[in-house]
């Protein structure tokens, strides 16, 4: 098999976007409102960081890393070390969207894709703030260039792009440990039109879906990365922010926004506590809706460009999957 660089590889596509000055307007996805414990802000994650929670790293003098998860040094602090408080409000549901597809059991969901590396730490607890061991946390989001992967995802989400449909990047599932925690290694998501930048997730216990929702990033962080970082800064400004997203209201998005901090190696540590129902018979709240409008998937003909997929197997969509807004 030839190892000649494909015209759909991330490196080639980056050069092509620069040469063509594409500046495409694909926007981010807002997430369903997740309300975590009252003390969801653990403060400083601890030793091993080089800055605060500001988009530029607070007191950090370092730069963002590039090159995907291969650039991550690891040994990051525990963002939940200082506790989560004693009052945990339920994480509310948001639309599954049409971009769900078969997933893989794995921690690193990047499949070698370039981008700004992210360690995503999620803590699953019940409404009594007790950790839930053995919960399956399934996440999915776009690549830096704004497309989802998978031949089984709606063409609304992949634009029928061959690189996107043949891959399964930025999809994965992990099972919570005794502390209720899962970690994923990924890259910062891209944006597409009519959505703010977001990460989808579903939490299942014993195979049953307890909540499906979305997570967001602070707009200042989004602007910093989209405006300055390779693979992100060649596509132009987003047309949707947390203040005018079509899925979640501006007044509620803060409850679903990830806490973040830049690490010494330039990777982003992002974390959130997810509070699920104690029983499926308990009522599930819905996140306050956004501005309305269409799902705003990637535009037809978007030329994408992804590395080949790795791995096989997977899980189907949550019970009751019926598509919907992205």
Protein backbone atom coordinates (compact mmCIF):
# COMPACT_ATOMS: atom_id res chain seq x y z
CA UNK A 1 0.00 0.00 0.00
CA UNK A 2 1.34 3.41 -0.93
CA UNK A 3 2.28 5.79 1.88
CA UNK A 4 2.04 8.83 -0.33
CA UNK A 5 0.21 11.61 1.51
CA UNK A 6 -3.47 11.58 0.66
CA UNK A 7 -5.12 14.72 -0.65
CA UNK A 8 -7.59 14.30 2.21
CA UNK A 9 -5.00 14.20 4.99
CA UNK A 10 -5.22 16.89 7.69
CA UNK A 11 -1.85 18.38 6.71
CA UNK A 12 -2.79 18.65 3.06
CA UNK A 13 -6.16 20.10 3.86
CA UNK A 14 -4.57 22.72 6.11
CA UNK A 15 -2.29 23.89 3.32
CA UNK A 16 -5.15 23.84 0.84
CA UNK A 17 -7.34 25.92 3.12
CA UNK A 18 -4.55 28.43 3.57
CA UNK A 19 -3.85 28.63 -0.16
CA UNK A 20 -7.48 28.93 -1.06
CA UNK A 21 -8.18 31.18 1.91
CA UNK A 22 -11.41 29.32 2.45
CA UNK A 23 -12.54 31.06 5.63
CA UNK A 24 -15.61 28.85 5.79
CA UNK A 25 -18.41 29.69 8.18
CA UNK A 26 -19.24 26.56 10.11
CA UNK A 27 -20.29 27.12 13.70
CA UNK A 28 -20.18 25.35 17.04
CA UNK A 29 -22.69 23.17 18.76
CA UNK A 30 -24.30 24.14 22.02
CA UNK A 31 -25.00 21.49 24.52
CA UNK A 32 -27.90 20.50 26.61
CA UNK A 33 -27.84 22.00 29.99
CA UNK A 34 -25.82 20.08 32.47
CA UNK A 35 -26.16 21.19 36.01
CA UNK A 36 -23.47 19.80 38.23
CA UNK A 37 -22.92 19.87 41.94
CA UNK A 38 -23.11 23.23 43.64
CA UNK A 39 -19.35 23.19 44.12
CA UNK A 40 -18.52 22.15 40.58
CA UNK A 41 -15.64 24.62 40.52
CA UNK A 42 -12.84 22.83 42.30
CA UNK A 43 -10.57 25.86 42.03
CA UNK A 44 -6.98 25.28 41.01
CA UNK A 45 -6.55 21.73 39.68
CA UNK A 46 -3.28 21.49 41.57
CA UNK A 47 0.38 21.08 40.86
CA UNK A 48 1.54 20.42 37.35
CA UNK A 49 -0.28 23.28 35.65
CA UNK A 50 1.16 26.43 34.24
CA UNK A 51 -1.76 28.76 34.58
CA UNK A 52 -5.28 29.48 35.70
CA UNK A 53 -8.69 28.93 34.13
CA UNK A 54 -8.55 31.87 31.75
CA UNK A 55 -8.47 31.11 28.01
CA UNK A 56 -4.86 32.19 27.79
CA UNK A 57 -3.88 30.13 30.78
CA UNK A 58 -4.20 32.87 33.37
CA UNK A 59 -0.70 33.30 34.73
CA UNK A 60 0.65 30.93 32.09
CA UNK A 61 3.36 32.04 29.72
CA UNK A 62 3.15 28.94 27.55
CA UNK A 63 1.51 28.38 24.19
CA UNK A 64 -1.20 26.00 23.07
CA UNK A 65 0.06 22.65 21.80
CA UNK A 66 -0.52 21.37 18.27
CA UNK A 67 -0.24 17.95 16.68
CA UNK A 68 -3.12 16.24 18.44
CA UNK A 69 -2.99 13.86 21.39
CA UNK A 70 0.53 12.72 20.50
CA UNK A 71 1.72 16.04 21.95
CA UNK A 72 0.25 15.32 25.39
CA UNK A 73 2.71 14.68 28.21
CA UNK A 74 0.09 13.50 30.69
CA UNK A 75 0.46 13.51 34.49
CA UNK A 76 -2.25 16.15 34.73
CA UNK A 77 -3.75 17.16 38.10
CA UNK A 78 -7.06 15.84 39.38
CA UNK A 79 -9.56 18.67 38.80
CA UNK A 80 -12.00 17.06 41.24
CA UNK A 81 -9.49 16.72 44.09
CA UNK A 82 -11.03 19.51 46.17
CA UNK A 83 -14.48 17.92 46.09
CA UNK A 84 -17.79 18.70 44.43
CA UNK A 85 -19.88 19.92 47.32
CA UNK A 86 -22.93 18.38 48.96
CA UNK A 87 -25.74 19.64 46.70
CA UNK A 88 -25.99 18.16 43.22
CA UNK A 89 -28.60 19.44 40.78
CA UNK A 90 -29.76 17.22 37.97
CA UNK A 91 -28.10 17.39 34.58
CA UNK A 92 -30.84 18.25 32.09
CA UNK A 93 -31.36 16.71 28.67
CA UNK A 94 -30.67 18.21 25.27
CA UNK A 95 -31.28 16.94 21.76
CA UNK A 96 -29.32 13.90 20.63
CA UNK A 97 -29.05 15.38 17.15
CA UNK A 98 -28.62 13.56 13.83
CA UNK A 99 -24.85 13.13 14.21
CA UNK A 100 -24.77 10.15 16.55
CA UNK A 101 -23.13 7.06 15.06
CA UNK A 102 -21.56 3.80 16.19
CA UNK A 103 -18.90 4.38 18.79
CA UNK A 104 -15.80 2.58 20.08
CA UNK A 105 -14.62 1.74 23.58
CA UNK A 106 -11.45 3.82 23.90
CA UNK A 107 -9.88 6.70 25.80
CA UNK A 108 -8.11 8.37 22.87
CA UNK A 109 -10.81 9.21 20.33
CA UNK A 110 -8.68 11.31 17.95
CA UNK A 111 -7.49 8.54 15.59
CA UNK A 112 -4.27 10.47 15.09
CA UNK A 113 -5.96 13.66 13.95
CA UNK A 114 -4.08 16.92 14.35
CA UNK A 115 -5.52 19.69 16.49
CA UNK A 116 -5.20 21.26 19.91
CA UNK A 117 -5.02 18.33 22.38
CA UNK A 118 -7.64 18.08 25.11
CA UNK A 119 -7.92 15.87 28.21
CA UNK A 120 -11.64 15.72 28.99
CA UNK A 121 -12.42 14.57 32.55
CA UNK A 122 -16.05 13.82 33.45
CA UNK A 123 -17.36 12.83 36.88
CA UNK A 124 -20.72 11.03 37.08
CA UNK A 125 -22.67 11.26 40.35
CA UNK A 126 -26.29 10.94 41.47
CA UNK A 127 -28.40 13.67 43.02
CA UNK A 128 -27.01 12.76 46.45
CA UNK A 129 -23.51 13.48 45.07
CA UNK A 130 -22.54 9.80 45.30
CA UNK A 131 -20.22 8.61 42.51
CA UNK A 132 -21.68 6.18 40.00
CA UNK A 133 -19.34 3.31 39.18
CA UNK A 134 -19.81 1.36 35.95
CA UNK A 135 -21.69 4.06 34.01
CA UNK A 136 -20.96 4.18 30.27
CA UNK A 137 -20.18 7.71 29.10
CA UNK A 138 -20.45 8.05 25.31
CA UNK A 139 -19.19 11.27 23.67
CA UNK A 140 -18.99 12.60 20.13
CA UNK A 141 -18.04 15.90 18.51
CA UNK A 142 -16.69 17.41 15.30
CA UNK A 143 -13.14 17.42 14.00
CA UNK A 144 -11.27 20.75 13.96
CA UNK A 145 -12.62 21.43 10.46
CA UNK A 146 -16.25 21.11 11.59
CA UNK A 147 -17.36 17.72 10.27
CA UNK A 148 -18.53 14.65 12.16
CA UNK A 149 -17.33 11.17 11.19
CA UNK A 150 -19.00 7.87 10.30
CA UNK A 151 -20.76 6.41 7.29
CA UNK A 152 -23.73 5.73 9.58
CA UNK A 153 -24.05 9.39 10.60
CA UNK A 154 -26.44 11.60 8.67
CA UNK A 155 -24.93 13.20 5.57
CA UNK A 156 -26.14 16.41 7.24
CA UNK A 157 -23.23 15.85 9.62
CA UNK A 158 -20.53 14.55 7.27
CA UNK A 159 -21.55 16.37 4.08
CA UNK A 160 -20.90 13.02 2.39
CA UNK A 161 -17.17 13.75 2.61
CA UNK A 162 -15.21 10.55 1.92
CA UNK A 163 -12.61 11.26 4.59
CA UNK A 164 -15.31 11.84 7.19
CA UNK A 165 -17.52 8.89 6.29
CA UNK A 166 -14.61 6.42 6.25
CA UNK A 167 -13.38 7.49 9.70
CA UNK A 168 -14.75 7.22 13.22
CA UNK A 169 -12.73 9.94 14.85
CA UNK A 170 -13.96 11.95 17.83
CA UNK A 171 -16.32 9.24 19.01
CA UNK A 172 -15.77 7.03 22.03
CA UNK A 173 -17.15 5.49 25.19
CA UNK A 174 -15.56 4.86 28.59
CA UNK A 175 -16.85 3.27 31.81
CA UNK A 176 -16.64 5.18 35.08
CA UNK A 177 -14.25 3.94 37.77
CA UNK A 178 -14.95 3.57 41.49
CA UNK A 179 -14.77 7.36 41.81
CA UNK A 180 -17.32 7.87 39.03
CA UNK A 181 -14.74 9.33 36.64
CA UNK A 182 -13.88 8.83 32.98
CA UNK A 183 -11.17 10.51 30.91
CA UNK A 184 -10.98 11.04 27.16
CA UNK A 185 -8.06 12.29 25.09
CA UNK A 186 -9.27 14.28 22.10
CA UNK A 187 -8.80 17.53 20.17
CA UNK A 188 -10.64 20.81 20.53
CA UNK A 189 -13.82 20.64 18.40
CA UNK A 190 -14.34 22.73 15.29
CA UNK A 191 -17.37 24.84 14.54
CA UNK A 192 -20.18 24.75 12.01
CA UNK A 193 -22.89 27.19 11.09
CA UNK A 194 -25.79 27.84 13.51
CA UNK A 195 -24.20 26.03 16.46
CA UNK A 196 -21.79 27.10 19.16
CA UNK A 197 -18.85 24.78 19.84
CA UNK A 198 -20.03 21.77 21.82
CA UNK A 199 -19.53 18.14 22.81
CA UNK A 200 -22.40 15.65 22.86
CA UNK A 201 -22.67 12.96 25.51
CA UNK A 202 -24.94 10.16 26.70
CA UNK A 203 -24.71 8.44 30.09
CA UNK A 204 -26.02 4.86 30.35
CA UNK A 205 -26.24 2.63 33.41
CA UNK A 206 -26.72 -1.12 32.87
CA UNK A 207 -27.48 -0.36 29.24
CA UNK A 208 -30.25 2.14 29.98
CA UNK A 209 -29.99 5.78 28.95
CA UNK A 210 -30.10 8.16 31.93
CA UNK A 211 -29.36 11.44 30.17
CA UNK A 212 -28.28 12.74 26.77
CA UNK A 213 -27.02 16.31 26.66
CA UNK A 214 -24.24 18.62 25.51
CA UNK A 215 -21.26 20.51 26.95
CA UNK A 216 -19.79 23.87 25.94
CA UNK A 217 -16.65 25.95 26.21
CA UNK A 218 -16.33 29.56 27.32
CA UNK A 219 -16.65 31.96 24.38
CA UNK A 220 -13.38 33.72 25.21
CA UNK A 221 -11.59 30.38 24.94
CA UNK A 222 -13.41 29.58 21.69
CA UNK A 223 -12.39 32.92 20.20
CA UNK A 224 -8.77 32.47 21.26
CA UNK A 225 -8.42 29.01 19.71
CA UNK A 226 -10.49 29.66 16.58
CA UNK A 227 -8.70 32.95 15.98
CA UNK A 228 -5.10 31.92 16.57
CA UNK A 229 -4.46 28.17 16.31
CA UNK A 230 -3.47 26.06 13.25
CA UNK A 231 -6.34 24.06 11.67
CA UNK A 232 -8.77 26.44 13.38
CA UNK A 233 -7.66 29.93 12.29
CA UNK A 234 -7.94 29.36 8.52
CA UNK A 235 -11.71 28.98 8.50
CA UNK A 236 -12.85 32.43 9.49
CA UNK A 237 -14.96 33.53 12.43
CA UNK A 238 -17.90 31.50 13.70
CA UNK A 239 -21.41 32.72 13.02
CA UNK A 240 -22.80 31.39 16.32
CA UNK A 241 -21.66 31.86 19.90
CA UNK A 242 -22.95 30.83 23.32
CA UNK A 243 -25.16 33.92 23.30
CA UNK A 244 -27.16 33.01 20.18
CA UNK A 245 -26.98 29.23 19.88
CA UNK A 246 -29.95 27.40 18.42
CA UNK A 247 -30.06 24.63 21.06
CA UNK A 248 -29.39 26.23 24.44
CA UNK A 249 -30.36 29.63 25.79
CA UNK A 250 -27.73 32.23 26.63
CA UNK A 251 -28.99 32.37 30.21
CA UNK A 252 -28.48 28.63 30.70
CA UNK A 253 -25.28 27.88 28.81
CA UNK A 254 -23.09 28.69 31.81
CA UNK A 255 -24.47 25.67 33.66
CA UNK A 256 -23.18 23.43 30.86
CA UNK A 257 -19.84 25.12 30.27
CA UNK A 258 -16.72 23.07 30.89
CA UNK A 259 -14.11 24.36 33.28
CA UNK A 260 -10.74 24.53 31.58
CA UNK A 261 -7.07 25.11 32.22
CA UNK A 262 -4.01 25.04 30.00
CA UNK A 263 -1.40 22.51 31.05
CA UNK A 264 2.38 22.92 31.02
CA UNK A 265 2.61 20.92 27.78
CA UNK A 266 0.11 23.23 26.05
CA UNK A 267 -2.79 20.77 26.19
CA UNK A 268 -6.20 21.82 27.51
CA UNK A 269 -7.59 20.15 30.63
CA UNK A 270 -11.40 20.39 30.60
CA UNK A 271 -13.71 18.98 33.25
CA UNK A 272 -17.33 18.78 34.37
CA UNK A 273 -19.52 16.92 36.86
CA UNK A 274 -22.55 15.17 35.37
CA UNK A 275 -25.47 14.54 37.73
CA UNK A 276 -27.81 11.74 36.72
CA UNK A 277 -31.14 10.53 38.07
CA UNK A 278 -31.08 7.97 40.89
CA UNK A 279 -33.75 6.01 39.04
CA UNK A 280 -35.20 5.94 35.54
CA UNK A 281 -38.58 6.59 37.14
CA UNK A 282 -37.38 10.01 38.29
CA UNK A 283 -38.34 12.94 36.08
CA UNK A 284 -35.73 14.25 33.63
CA UNK A 285 -35.52 17.99 33.03
CA UNK A 286 -34.84 19.64 29.65
CA UNK A 287 -32.32 22.38 29.01
CA UNK A 288 -33.77 25.81 28.22
CA UNK A 289 -33.97 26.19 24.45
CA UNK A 290 -31.92 28.49 22.31
CA UNK A 291 -32.82 30.90 19.55
CA UNK A 292 -34.44 28.27 17.36
CA UNK A 293 -33.74 27.77 13.69
CA UNK A 294 -32.25 24.94 11.71
CA UNK A 295 -29.67 22.43 12.78
CA UNK A 296 -26.97 24.15 10.79
CA UNK A 297 -24.92 21.17 9.66
CA UNK A 298 -21.77 21.46 7.57
CA UNK A 299 -22.45 22.83 4.07
CA UNK A 300 -22.83 20.45 1.12
CA UNK A 301 -19.56 19.87 -0.68
CA UNK A 302 -17.34 20.78 2.28
CA UNK A 303 -14.05 19.12 1.36
CA UNK A 304 -12.97 18.02 4.85
CA UNK A 305 -9.99 15.72 4.98
CA UNK A 306 -9.31 13.14 7.71
CA UNK A 307 -6.86 10.31 8.45
CA UNK A 308 -8.05 6.71 8.00
CA UNK A 309 -10.02 5.14 10.86
CA UNK A 310 -8.50 2.70 13.35
CA UNK A 311 -10.30 -0.04 15.31
CA UNK A 312 -13.61 -1.78 14.84
CA UNK A 313 -16.75 -2.76 16.69
CA UNK A 314 -18.94 -0.28 18.47
CA UNK A 315 -22.30 0.54 19.98
CA UNK A 316 -25.49 1.70 18.37
CA UNK A 317 -27.47 4.85 19.21
CA UNK A 318 -29.25 5.26 22.54
CA UNK A 319 -32.79 3.89 22.81
CA UNK A 320 -35.31 6.10 21.06
CA UNK A 321 -32.78 7.70 18.70
CA UNK A 322 -34.71 9.66 16.11
CA UNK A 323 -32.27 12.17 14.74
CA UNK A 324 -33.04 15.81 15.37
CA UNK A 325 -31.04 18.97 15.49
CA UNK A 326 -27.26 18.75 15.70
